[in-house]
Amino acid sequence: MRFLSGPSCLLLFLLFLAPQVNAQTSTTQALREAVDQAVAEGGMPNAWWTILIQDADTGFPLYERDTGRSFIPASNTKLYSTAAALDGLGTDFRFETRIATDGMMQDGTLKGNLFVIGSGDPVIGGRFTDGDITAYFRQWADSLKALGIHTVEGSVIGDDDAFDDVPYGYGWQWDDLPYWYAAEVGALSFNDNCIDFYLEATAAGQPAVLRWEPHNTSYVTAENRSLTVAADTGLKEDYFRAQGSNHFVLGSLVPEGRTDSESLTVANPTAFFVHVLREVLLQEGIAVRGGSVDIDDLAVKPSRSSQTHLFSHLSPTLGEIVRPLNKNSQNLYAEQVLRALAVVRAPEAGEPAAGSAALAIERARRQTFGPAGVDTLRLQLVDGSGLARQNLVTSSMTASLLRYMWQHPDAAVRDVFLASLPVAGVDGTLSSRLRGTAAEGKVRAKTGTVGNASALSGYVTTPSGKTLIVSIMANHFTESSRGPRQVQDRIMALAAQHSY
């Protein structure tokens, strides 16, 4: 017997897969059988699956599989966070960062401290400034100069009291914490609360050249243990930061001709924010006699009533912020946006702590999830990003939320929410998926991945122009996430070809 291998085998596999990925189903029964076949042929006998496909306009279910079982949704949690924020705050909501002082100005000298009072703006940095990380800080320096301030006798003090002092989501895993996707949360946030490191290869056997942004700030120290290796050798990344420390050890093996880049989290974003701000003020010619201070480190917190407002910085609109949030699955943005619900007004009697994720989730439960038809008695959310494995939802809950947003009475909220979702084969976390299938450009959906959990939920346009809501989650598989994603893609392609 002769076995095919190499290109011949790959061609045979693609010929086998193609008709299934692009197969049309003209009846609901045919769709159900095709989806069952996709799961059965996925090769993951130990996985749990929940799948719901329904008409977005009527709610009619075309396919249901274990829709009442609770699953870890991973980053599908961001659907809940962004829906609640848009629904509760509106697309035009902006975060305000206030600059104030407790001193008086005399002959160009501010005889007092400079306060930066945050409300949770997640995008102070390079996100909306073409990558210019300190652009906003330089603008603030210009604003101070316009007020006649050229010297600050006191310190630059960061006031992050709008949020509680819990820096991580409930249940986050310790080994995620050094990496950008597990950045600390805070009412003052700068550069995604990360340092951007670059290791540029030199000659084989020599260390790579190390630099970091913003401007090699002295807020952190870095130990360069990297090594340049031969060009035909694979990159091997190696980073370490002890929890609570801002000392980094970088030991990557970097092939000749390449640069290894990585965003790594800092401890205490508030201290980071004001430290870099003070550095920028000095660079822009404003002398700062004092240091940079996290307000929580003061023995006595100064009263805001004694402060004089100087100017404010307004973020881009929430409608603009949720786009990179969902397209790129940016965890920090999701956490900050969710907590905005806990900042807009003080807690009422019996509500969780001010500025906490728990208060934000409770408000979202009442204001959005309940009216959306989500079973709030069984819904369990503990963070805004989905990094926590304690989040538990059902596919019917997610479908109810998606249908609520599809039919949202505020057209701007509906349109912004839909536009924020990755498009299959086009952009975001779906840019490389479903290309060349019937689903390319026809699926707007949120991905989700944590260990042993994978999800994909969103909207699918059919050949007749109808819109379907599809929610797929797989848990407890022991294979890589590639397997569940292939099944998800196959189901999305089936939905995109469905005519009924």
Protein backbone atom coordinates (compact mmCIF):
# COMPACT_ATOMS: atom_id res chain seq x y z
CA MET A 1 0.00 0.00 0.00
CA ARG A 2 1.35 3.44 -0.94
CA PHE A 3 0.85 6.31 1.52
CA LEU A 4 0.81 9.95 0.44
CA SER A 5 3.10 12.39 2.17
CA GLY A 6 4.28 15.98 1.90
CA PRO A 7 2.45 18.26 -0.58
CA SER A 8 0.29 15.44 -1.92
CA CYS A 9 -1.01 14.64 1.56
CA LEU A 10 -1.67 18.31 2.30
CA LEU A 11 -3.58 18.70 -0.98
CA LEU A 12 -5.74 15.68 -0.18
CA PHE A 13 -6.46 17.09 3.31
CA LEU A 14 -7.49 20.47 1.89
CA LEU A 15 -9.72 18.84 -0.71
CA PHE A 16 -11.36 16.86 2.09
CA LEU A 17 -11.78 19.93 4.31
CA ALA A 18 -12.88 22.48 1.71
CA PRO A 19 -16.33 21.08 0.92
CA GLN A 20 -17.08 20.77 4.63
CA VAL A 21 -15.94 24.30 5.47
CA ASN A 22 -17.92 25.80 2.59
CA ALA A 23 -20.79 23.34 2.53
CA GLN A 24 -24.24 24.90 2.17
CA THR A 25 -27.07 23.75 4.43
CA SER A 26 -30.55 24.61 3.22
CA THR A 27 -32.51 23.21 6.17
CA THR A 28 -32.19 23.61 9.92
CA GLN A 29 -31.85 19.86 10.28
CA ALA A 30 -28.97 19.80 7.79
CA LEU A 31 -27.22 22.56 9.73
CA ARG A 32 -27.64 20.67 12.98
CA GLU A 33 -26.21 17.50 11.51
CA ALA A 34 -23.25 19.39 10.00
CA VAL A 35 -22.43 21.08 13.31
CA ASP A 36 -22.65 17.77 15.17
CA GLN A 37 -20.29 16.27 12.62
CA ALA A 38 -17.83 19.15 13.03
CA VAL A 39 -17.67 18.58 16.79
CA ALA A 40 -17.46 14.79 16.45
CA GLU A 41 -14.60 15.05 13.96
CA GLY A 42 -12.74 17.62 16.07
CA GLY A 43 -10.71 14.87 17.74
CA MET A 44 -11.21 16.11 21.32
CA PRO A 45 -13.24 13.44 23.10
CA ASN A 46 -12.61 14.92 26.56
CA ALA A 47 -13.75 18.46 25.66
CA TRP A 48 -17.00 19.97 26.86
CA TRP A 49 -18.85 21.97 24.20
CA THR A 50 -21.67 24.47 24.31
CA ILE A 51 -23.01 25.88 21.06
CA LEU A 52 -25.99 28.09 20.30
CA ILE A 53 -26.98 29.39 16.88
CA GLN A 54 -30.06 31.59 16.64
CA ASP A 55 -31.71 34.17 14.42
CA ALA A 56 -30.63 37.61 15.62
CA ASP A 57 -33.99 39.20 14.81
CA THR A 58 -36.44 36.56 16.02
CA GLY A 59 -34.36 34.63 18.54
CA PHE A 60 -35.35 31.36 16.87
CA PRO A 61 -32.77 28.68 17.76
CA LEU A 62 -31.26 26.84 14.81
CA TYR A 63 -28.86 24.77 16.91
CA GLU A 64 -28.52 24.14 20.64
CA ARG A 65 -25.95 22.07 22.49
CA ASP A 66 -25.62 22.17 26.28
CA THR A 67 -26.76 25.79 26.31
CA GLY A 68 -27.54 25.76 30.03
CA ARG A 69 -24.15 24.50 31.24
CA SER A 70 -21.72 27.02 32.73
CA PHE A 71 -18.41 27.48 30.90
CA ILE A 72 -15.26 29.57 31.34
CA PRO A 73 -15.70 32.22 28.62
CA ALA A 74 -12.10 33.56 28.58
CA SER A 75 -12.05 36.81 26.61
CA ASN A 76 -15.69 36.43 25.62
CA THR A 77 -16.06 38.18 28.98
CA LYS A 78 -15.15 41.38 27.11
CA LEU A 79 -18.51 41.16 25.33
CA TYR A 80 -20.14 41.64 28.72
CA SER A 81 -17.78 44.42 29.82
CA THR A 82 -18.02 46.49 26.66
CA ALA A 83 -21.78 45.98 26.31
CA ALA A 84 -22.32 47.11 29.91
CA ALA A 85 -20.03 50.13 29.56
CA LEU A 86 -21.56 51.29 26.28
CA ASP A 87 -25.08 50.65 27.53
CA GLY A 88 -24.48 52.37 30.86
CA LEU A 89 -22.20 55.25 29.88
CA GLY A 90 -22.89 55.88 26.19
CA THR A 91 -20.54 56.04 23.25
CA ASP A 92 -19.48 59.64 23.94
CA PHE A 93 -18.29 59.04 27.53
CA ARG A 94 -14.75 60.27 28.20
CA PHE A 95 -12.40 59.67 31.11
CA GLU A 96 -11.17 62.87 32.76
CA THR A 97 -7.68 63.22 34.25
CA ARG A 98 -7.40 66.42 36.31
CA ILE A 99 -4.25 68.41 37.08
CA ALA A 100 -4.44 70.44 40.30
CA THR A 101 -2.22 72.10 42.90
CA ASP A 102 -2.25 72.90 46.60
CA GLY A 103 0.10 75.87 46.13
CA MET A 104 0.23 79.38 44.79
CA MET A 105 2.11 80.67 41.76
CA GLN A 106 4.75 83.35 42.26
CA ASP A 107 7.14 84.64 39.60
CA GLY A 108 6.84 81.47 37.50
CA THR A 109 7.23 79.17 40.49
CA LEU A 110 4.44 76.93 41.76
CA LYS A 111 4.95 76.96 45.52
CA GLY A 112 3.32 73.62 46.21
CA ASN A 113 2.67 70.18 44.78
CA LEU A 114 1.29 69.16 41.41
CA PHE A 115 -1.52 66.60 41.65
CA VAL A 116 -2.60 64.25 38.86
CA ILE A 117 -6.08 62.92 39.68
CA GLY A 118 -7.08 59.89 37.63
CA SER A 119 -10.46 58.39 36.81
CA GLY A 120 -9.31 55.27 34.97
CA ASP A 121 -8.32 56.48 31.49
CA PRO A 122 -6.69 53.38 29.95
CA VAL A 123 -5.15 54.99 26.86
CA ILE A 124 -2.72 57.64 28.12
CA GLY A 125 0.29 56.61 26.09
CA GLY A 126 0.85 55.90 22.44
CA ARG A 127 -2.43 54.21 21.46
CA PHE A 128 -4.04 57.35 19.99
CA THR A 129 -0.86 59.36 19.31
CA ASP A 130 0.69 57.27 16.52
CA GLY A 131 2.90 55.49 19.03
CA ASP A 132 4.28 58.68 20.60
CA ILE A 133 4.20 57.42 24.19
CA THR A 134 4.82 60.71 26.01
CA ALA A 135 2.89 63.04 23.66
CA TYR A 136 0.18 63.79 26.21
CA PHE A 137 2.74 64.51 28.94
CA ARG A 138 4.49 67.02 26.66
CA GLN A 139 1.13 68.66 26.01
CA TRP A 140 0.64 68.94 29.77
CA ALA A 141 4.05 70.58 30.06
CA ASP A 142 2.93 73.11 27.45
CA SER A 143 -0.26 73.74 29.43
CA LEU A 144 1.75 74.41 32.59
CA LYS A 145 4.00 76.81 30.71
CA ALA A 146 0.92 78.58 29.32
CA LEU A 147 -0.16 79.14 32.93
CA GLY A 148 3.23 80.70 33.59
CA ILE A 149 4.61 77.76 35.55
CA HIS A 150 8.29 77.00 34.95
CA THR A 151 9.24 75.60 38.37
CA VAL A 152 7.38 73.29 40.75
CA GLU A 153 8.74 73.52 44.28
CA GLY A 154 6.85 70.46 45.48
CA SER A 155 6.35 66.95 44.15
CA VAL A 156 4.28 65.37 41.39
CA ILE A 157 1.65 63.37 43.29
CA GLY A 158 -0.50 60.68 41.68
CA ASP A 159 -4.05 60.41 43.05
CA ASP A 160 -5.53 57.04 42.08
CA ASP A 161 -8.30 56.96 44.68
CA ALA A 162 -11.08 56.71 42.08
CA PHE A 163 -10.38 52.94 42.01
CA ASP A 164 -9.89 50.64 44.96
CA ASP A 165 -6.35 49.43 45.68
CA VAL A 166 -6.75 45.91 44.25
CA PRO A 167 -4.28 45.81 41.34
CA TYR A 168 -5.35 42.51 39.77
CA GLY A 169 -8.53 40.77 38.78
CA TYR A 170 -9.84 38.18 41.22
CA GLY A 171 -8.21 34.79 40.64
CA TRP A 172 -5.56 35.87 38.15
CA GLN A 173 -2.67 33.42 37.91
CA TRP A 174 0.69 34.49 39.29
CA ASP A 175 2.70 33.32 36.27
CA ASP A 176 0.75 35.67 33.96
CA LEU A 177 1.59 38.79 35.96
CA PRO A 178 4.86 39.88 34.25
CA TYR A 179 3.27 39.95 30.79
CA TRP A 180 1.33 42.78 29.14
CA TYR A 181 -1.97 40.94 29.15
CA ALA A 182 -1.95 40.87 32.99
CA ALA A 183 -1.00 44.50 33.65
CA GLU A 184 -1.98 45.98 36.99
CA VAL A 185 -5.21 47.96 37.08
CA GLY A 186 -5.35 51.51 38.42
CA ALA A 187 -7.12 54.86 38.15
CA LEU A 188 -3.85 56.25 36.77
CA SER A 189 -2.60 54.21 33.85
CA PHE A 190 0.24 54.97 31.42
CA ASN A 191 1.57 53.08 28.38
CA ASP A 192 -0.70 50.10 29.17
CA ASN A 193 1.19 49.94 32.51
CA CYS A 194 4.11 48.34 30.72
CA ILE A 195 7.73 48.92 29.76
CA ASP A 196 8.47 48.17 26.11
CA PHE A 197 11.82 46.35 25.91
CA TYR A 198 13.92 45.92 22.78
CA LEU A 199 16.90 43.56 22.39
CA GLU A 200 18.74 44.22 19.12
CA ALA A 201 21.07 41.42 18.02
CA THR A 202 24.74 42.19 17.43
CA ALA A 203 27.31 39.53 16.48
CA ALA A 204 26.92 35.87 17.43
CA GLY A 205 28.29 35.24 20.88
CA GLN A 206 27.81 38.86 22.02
CA PRO A 207 25.01 40.36 24.13
CA ALA A 208 22.16 42.06 22.30
CA VAL A 209 21.82 45.83 22.71
CA LEU A 210 19.13 46.60 25.28
CA ARG A 211 16.90 49.67 25.35
CA TRP A 212 13.41 50.39 26.59
CA GLU A 213 10.56 52.83 26.25
CA PRO A 214 9.63 55.29 27.52
CA HIS A 215 13.11 56.86 27.10
CA ASN A 216 15.02 54.32 29.23
CA THR A 217 13.11 55.64 32.25
CA SER A 218 14.84 55.23 35.60
CA TYR A 219 11.59 53.91 37.10
CA VAL A 220 12.91 50.44 36.26
CA THR A 221 16.28 48.72 36.25
CA ALA A 222 17.20 46.02 33.75
CA GLU A 223 19.81 43.28 33.74
CA ASN A 224 20.92 42.29 30.23
CA ARG A 225 21.72 38.57 30.11
CA SER A 226 20.79 38.24 26.45
CA LEU A 227 22.96 36.60 23.83
CA THR A 228 23.14 36.99 20.08
CA VAL A 229 23.02 33.64 18.28
CA ALA A 230 23.43 32.54 14.66
CA ALA A 231 20.88 33.88 12.20
CA ASP A 232 19.49 30.41 11.44
CA THR A 233 18.77 29.78 15.14
CA GLY A 234 15.27 30.32 16.51
CA LEU A 235 14.48 33.17 18.88
CA LYS A 236 14.23 32.02 22.49
CA GLU A 237 12.60 34.57 24.79
CA ASP A 238 13.48 34.74 28.46
CA TYR A 239 12.15 37.43 30.82
CA PHE A 240 11.78 37.70 34.58
CA ARG A 241 10.42 40.23 37.05
CA ALA A 242 9.85 39.31 40.67
CA GLN A 243 6.37 40.21 41.87
CA GLY A 244 6.35 43.67 43.45
CA SER A 245 9.74 44.52 41.94
CA ASN A 246 10.63 46.74 38.99
CA HIS A 247 13.94 45.01 38.28
CA PHE A 248 13.87 43.05 35.04
CA VAL A 249 16.18 40.26 33.90
CA LEU A 250 16.25 39.70 30.13
CA GLY A 251 17.99 36.56 28.95
CA SER A 252 16.64 36.05 25.43
CA LEU A 253 18.66 34.33 22.69
CA VAL A 254 18.30 36.67 19.70
CA PRO A 255 19.29 35.56 16.17
CA GLU A 256 21.59 37.85 14.20
CA GLY A 257 19.68 40.47 12.23
CA ARG A 258 16.64 40.40 14.51
CA THR A 259 15.23 42.45 17.38
CA ASP A 260 13.31 40.85 20.22
CA SER A 261 10.59 43.14 21.57
CA GLU A 262 8.31 42.54 24.53
CA SER A 263 6.00 44.63 26.71
CA LEU A 264 6.38 43.69 30.37
CA THR A 265 4.29 44.96 33.24
CA VAL A 266 5.42 47.32 35.99
CA ALA A 267 4.57 47.24 39.67
CA ASN A 268 2.51 50.23 40.90
CA PRO A 269 1.19 52.00 37.77
CA THR A 270 0.49 55.19 39.74
CA ALA A 271 4.12 55.57 40.78
CA PHE A 272 5.17 54.73 37.20
CA PHE A 273 2.81 57.38 35.80
CA VAL A 274 4.05 60.27 37.93
CA HIS A 275 7.70 59.20 37.74
CA VAL A 276 7.69 59.37 33.93
CA LEU A 277 5.59 62.55 33.97
CA ARG A 278 8.18 64.23 36.20
CA GLU A 279 10.96 63.07 33.82
CA VAL A 280 9.10 64.58 30.87
CA LEU A 281 8.49 67.87 32.69
CA LEU A 282 12.22 68.11 33.36
CA GLN A 283 12.99 67.32 29.72
CA GLU A 284 10.57 70.08 28.65
CA GLY A 285 12.29 72.67 30.82
CA ILE A 286 10.04 72.68 33.87
CA ALA A 287 12.08 72.27 37.04
CA VAL A 288 10.53 69.98 39.66
CA ARG A 289 12.24 70.35 43.05
CA GLY A 290 10.39 67.49 44.71
CA GLY A 291 10.05 63.87 43.66
CA SER A 292 7.22 61.73 42.32
CA VAL A 293 4.82 60.22 44.84
CA ASP A 294 1.90 57.79 44.94
CA ILE A 295 -0.71 59.47 47.15
CA ASP A 296 -1.10 56.19 49.06
CA ASP A 297 2.49 56.59 50.31
CA LEU A 298 1.76 59.88 52.07
CA ALA A 299 1.32 59.71 55.83
CA VAL A 300 -1.67 62.08 55.56
CA LYS A 301 -3.66 62.38 52.37
CA PRO A 302 -4.23 66.01 51.36
CA SER A 303 -7.80 67.24 51.03
CA ARG A 304 -9.04 67.83 47.51
CA SER A 305 -11.03 70.80 48.79
CA SER A 306 -7.75 72.62 49.35
CA GLN A 307 -6.59 72.10 45.78
CA THR A 308 -6.91 74.46 42.83
CA HIS A 309 -7.86 72.97 39.47
CA LEU A 310 -5.39 73.84 36.71
CA PHE A 311 -6.59 71.90 33.65
CA SER A 312 -8.04 68.58 32.54
CA HIS A 313 -7.15 65.96 29.99
CA LEU A 314 -10.04 64.13 28.32
CA SER A 315 -9.63 60.68 26.81
CA PRO A 316 -10.90 59.66 23.40
CA THR A 317 -14.54 58.62 23.52
CA LEU A 318 -15.60 55.25 24.89
CA GLY A 319 -16.74 54.45 21.37
CA GLU A 320 -13.15 54.88 20.18
CA ILE A 321 -11.61 53.00 23.11
CA VAL A 322 -13.69 49.82 22.78
CA ARG A 323 -12.41 49.26 19.25
CA PRO A 324 -8.80 48.35 20.21
CA LEU A 325 -10.20 46.74 23.36
CA ASN A 326 -12.17 44.12 21.43
CA LYS A 327 -10.17 44.00 18.20
CA ASN A 328 -6.91 43.31 20.05
CA SER A 329 -8.45 41.72 23.15
CA GLN A 330 -6.74 44.26 25.41
CA ASN A 331 -7.28 43.07 28.98
CA LEU A 332 -6.27 46.26 30.79
CA TYR A 333 -8.69 48.36 28.74
CA ALA A 334 -11.52 45.96 29.56
CA GLU A 335 -10.77 46.16 33.28
CA GLN A 336 -10.58 49.96 33.23
CA VAL A 337 -13.70 50.42 31.10
CA LEU A 338 -15.71 48.11 33.33
CA ARG A 339 -14.62 49.95 36.49
CA ALA A 340 -15.84 53.22 34.99
CA LEU A 341 -19.31 52.00 35.98
CA ALA A 342 -18.09 52.03 39.59
CA VAL A 343 -16.71 55.58 39.37
CA VAL A 344 -19.51 57.63 37.79
CA ARG A 345 -21.35 57.79 41.13
CA ALA A 346 -20.70 56.83 44.75
CA PRO A 347 -21.85 53.43 46.05
CA GLU A 348 -25.33 53.20 47.51
CA ALA A 349 -26.10 51.42 50.78
CA GLY A 350 -25.28 47.72 50.51
CA GLU A 351 -23.24 48.05 47.31
CA PRO A 352 -19.61 46.81 47.07
CA ALA A 353 -16.61 49.11 47.60
CA ALA A 354 -16.22 52.29 45.57
CA GLY A 355 -14.17 51.91 42.40
CA SER A 356 -14.12 48.11 42.59
CA ALA A 357 -14.72 45.51 39.93
CA ALA A 358 -17.39 44.00 42.19
CA LEU A 359 -19.37 47.27 42.25
CA ALA A 360 -19.05 47.66 38.47
CA ILE A 361 -20.27 44.10 37.86
CA GLU A 362 -23.18 44.55 40.26
CA ARG A 363 -24.26 47.70 38.44
CA ALA A 364 -23.86 46.00 35.07
CA ARG A 365 -25.97 43.10 36.33
CA ARG A 366 -28.84 45.44 37.17
CA GLN A 367 -28.53 47.99 34.37
CA THR A 368 -27.64 45.81 31.38
CA PHE A 369 -27.50 42.07 31.94
CA GLY A 370 -30.94 41.77 33.55
CA PRO A 371 -32.74 43.84 30.90
CA ALA A 372 -30.86 41.85 28.23
CA GLY A 373 -32.53 38.66 29.45
CA VAL A 374 -29.35 37.17 30.91
CA ASP A 375 -30.00 34.79 33.81
CA THR A 376 -28.27 36.97 36.41
CA LEU A 377 -28.85 34.43 39.21
CA ARG A 378 -26.50 31.98 37.47
CA LEU A 379 -24.15 34.49 35.83
CA GLN A 380 -20.74 34.64 37.54
CA LEU A 381 -18.32 37.37 36.56
CA VAL A 382 -15.33 38.44 38.69
CA ASP A 383 -13.28 40.54 36.25
CA GLY A 384 -13.73 42.53 33.08
CA SER A 385 -11.20 40.89 30.80
CA GLY A 386 -11.81 37.15 31.12
CA LEU A 387 -8.36 36.33 32.47
CA ALA A 388 -9.98 34.85 35.59
CA ARG A 389 -11.05 31.24 35.39
CA GLN A 390 -13.78 31.95 37.96
CA ASN A 391 -15.92 33.64 35.29
CA LEU A 392 -18.78 31.34 34.34
CA VAL A 393 -21.44 31.95 31.70
CA THR A 394 -23.67 29.89 29.43
CA SER A 395 -23.98 30.19 25.68
CA SER A 396 -27.63 31.19 26.13
CA MET A 397 -26.52 34.12 28.34
CA THR A 398 -24.02 35.29 25.73
CA ALA A 399 -26.58 34.95 22.95
CA SER A 400 -29.11 36.96 24.97
CA LEU A 401 -26.55 39.73 25.47
CA LEU A 402 -25.59 39.74 21.78
CA ARG A 403 -29.24 39.91 20.74
CA TYR A 404 -29.84 42.79 23.17
CA MET A 405 -26.96 44.72 21.61
CA TRP A 406 -28.14 43.84 18.09
CA GLN A 407 -31.55 45.36 18.90
CA HIS A 408 -30.24 48.16 21.13
CA PRO A 409 -32.53 51.22 21.07
CA ASP A 410 -29.53 53.56 20.75
CA ALA A 411 -28.25 53.04 17.22
CA ALA A 412 -24.86 54.56 18.12
CA VAL A 413 -24.35 52.01 20.91
CA ARG A 414 -25.34 49.16 18.59
CA ASP A 415 -23.09 50.31 15.75
CA VAL A 416 -20.05 50.95 17.95
CA PHE A 417 -20.40 47.58 19.65
CA LEU A 418 -20.63 45.73 16.32
CA ALA A 419 -17.76 47.71 14.79
CA SER A 420 -15.49 46.88 17.76
CA LEU A 421 -15.62 43.13 17.09
CA PRO A 422 -12.90 41.44 15.00
CA VAL A 423 -13.89 40.58 11.42
CA ALA A 424 -13.03 37.11 10.14
CA GLY A 425 -10.03 37.12 7.83
CA VAL A 426 -9.74 40.91 8.05
CA ASP A 427 -8.60 42.35 11.38
CA GLY A 428 -7.98 41.94 15.08
CA THR A 429 -7.70 38.50 16.62
CA LEU A 430 -9.59 37.02 13.64
CA SER A 431 -7.31 38.51 10.97
CA SER A 432 -5.71 35.17 10.10
CA ARG A 433 -8.74 32.96 10.65
CA LEU A 434 -11.43 31.82 8.17
CA ARG A 435 -9.61 33.23 5.16
CA GLY A 436 -10.76 31.68 1.92
CA THR A 437 -13.98 30.38 3.45
CA ALA A 438 -17.57 31.51 3.15
CA ALA A 439 -17.17 33.18 6.52
CA GLU A 440 -14.39 35.57 5.48
CA GLY A 441 -15.70 39.10 6.04
CA LYS A 442 -19.07 37.70 7.15
CA VAL A 443 -18.29 37.08 10.82
CA ARG A 444 -17.93 39.70 13.57
CA ALA A 445 -17.00 37.85 16.72
CA LYS A 446 -14.97 37.93 19.91
CA THR A 447 -12.33 35.30 20.47
CA GLY A 448 -11.32 33.94 23.87
CA THR A 449 -8.45 31.78 25.08
CA VAL A 450 -7.10 30.77 28.48
CA GLY A 451 -5.66 27.41 29.46
CA ASN A 452 -8.06 24.59 28.52
CA ALA A 453 -10.78 27.03 27.47
CA SER A 454 -11.56 28.52 24.07
CA ALA A 455 -14.50 30.59 22.86
CA LEU A 456 -15.82 32.41 19.81
CA SER A 457 -19.09 34.35 19.91
CA GLY A 458 -20.63 36.98 17.67
CA TYR A 459 -22.63 37.62 14.52
CA VAL A 460 -22.69 35.86 11.14
CA THR A 461 -24.22 37.17 7.92
CA THR A 462 -25.87 34.49 5.76
CA PRO A 463 -26.13 34.45 1.93
CA SER A 464 -29.69 35.80 2.17
CA GLY A 465 -28.55 38.74 4.27
CA LYS A 466 -29.93 37.47 7.55
CA THR A 467 -27.86 37.73 10.71
CA LEU A 468 -27.26 34.81 13.01
CA ILE A 469 -25.92 34.91 16.55
CA VAL A 470 -23.40 32.16 17.25
CA SER A 471 -21.83 31.38 20.62
CA ILE A 472 -19.32 28.54 20.89
CA MET A 473 -17.30 27.60 23.97
CA ALA A 474 -15.06 24.60 24.60
CA ASN A 475 -13.67 23.72 28.04
CA HIS A 476 -11.61 20.95 29.62
CA PHE A 477 -9.74 19.89 26.47
CA THR A 478 -6.15 18.82 27.04
CA GLU A 479 -4.93 19.48 23.50
CA SER A 480 -3.66 22.86 22.29
CA SER A 481 -6.18 25.59 21.53
CA ARG A 482 -5.64 24.99 17.81
CA GLY A 483 -8.12 22.11 17.83
CA PRO A 484 -11.08 24.03 19.29
CA ARG A 485 -10.38 26.96 16.99
CA GLN A 486 -10.56 24.71 13.94
CA VAL A 487 -13.95 23.41 15.09
CA GLN A 488 -15.15 26.95 15.81
CA ASP A 489 -14.08 28.09 12.35
CA ARG A 490 -15.80 25.17 10.71
CA ILE A 491 -19.04 25.96 12.54
CA MET A 492 -18.83 29.65 11.65
CA ALA A 493 -18.31 28.75 8.00
CA LEU A 494 -21.35 26.47 8.14
CA ALA A 495 -23.44 29.27 9.64
CA ALA A 496 -22.21 31.69 6.97
CA GLN A 497 -23.42 29.31 4.26
CA HIS A 498 -26.75 28.52 5.84
CA SER A 499 -29.84 29.35 3.77
CA TYR A 500 -33.25 28.97 5.37
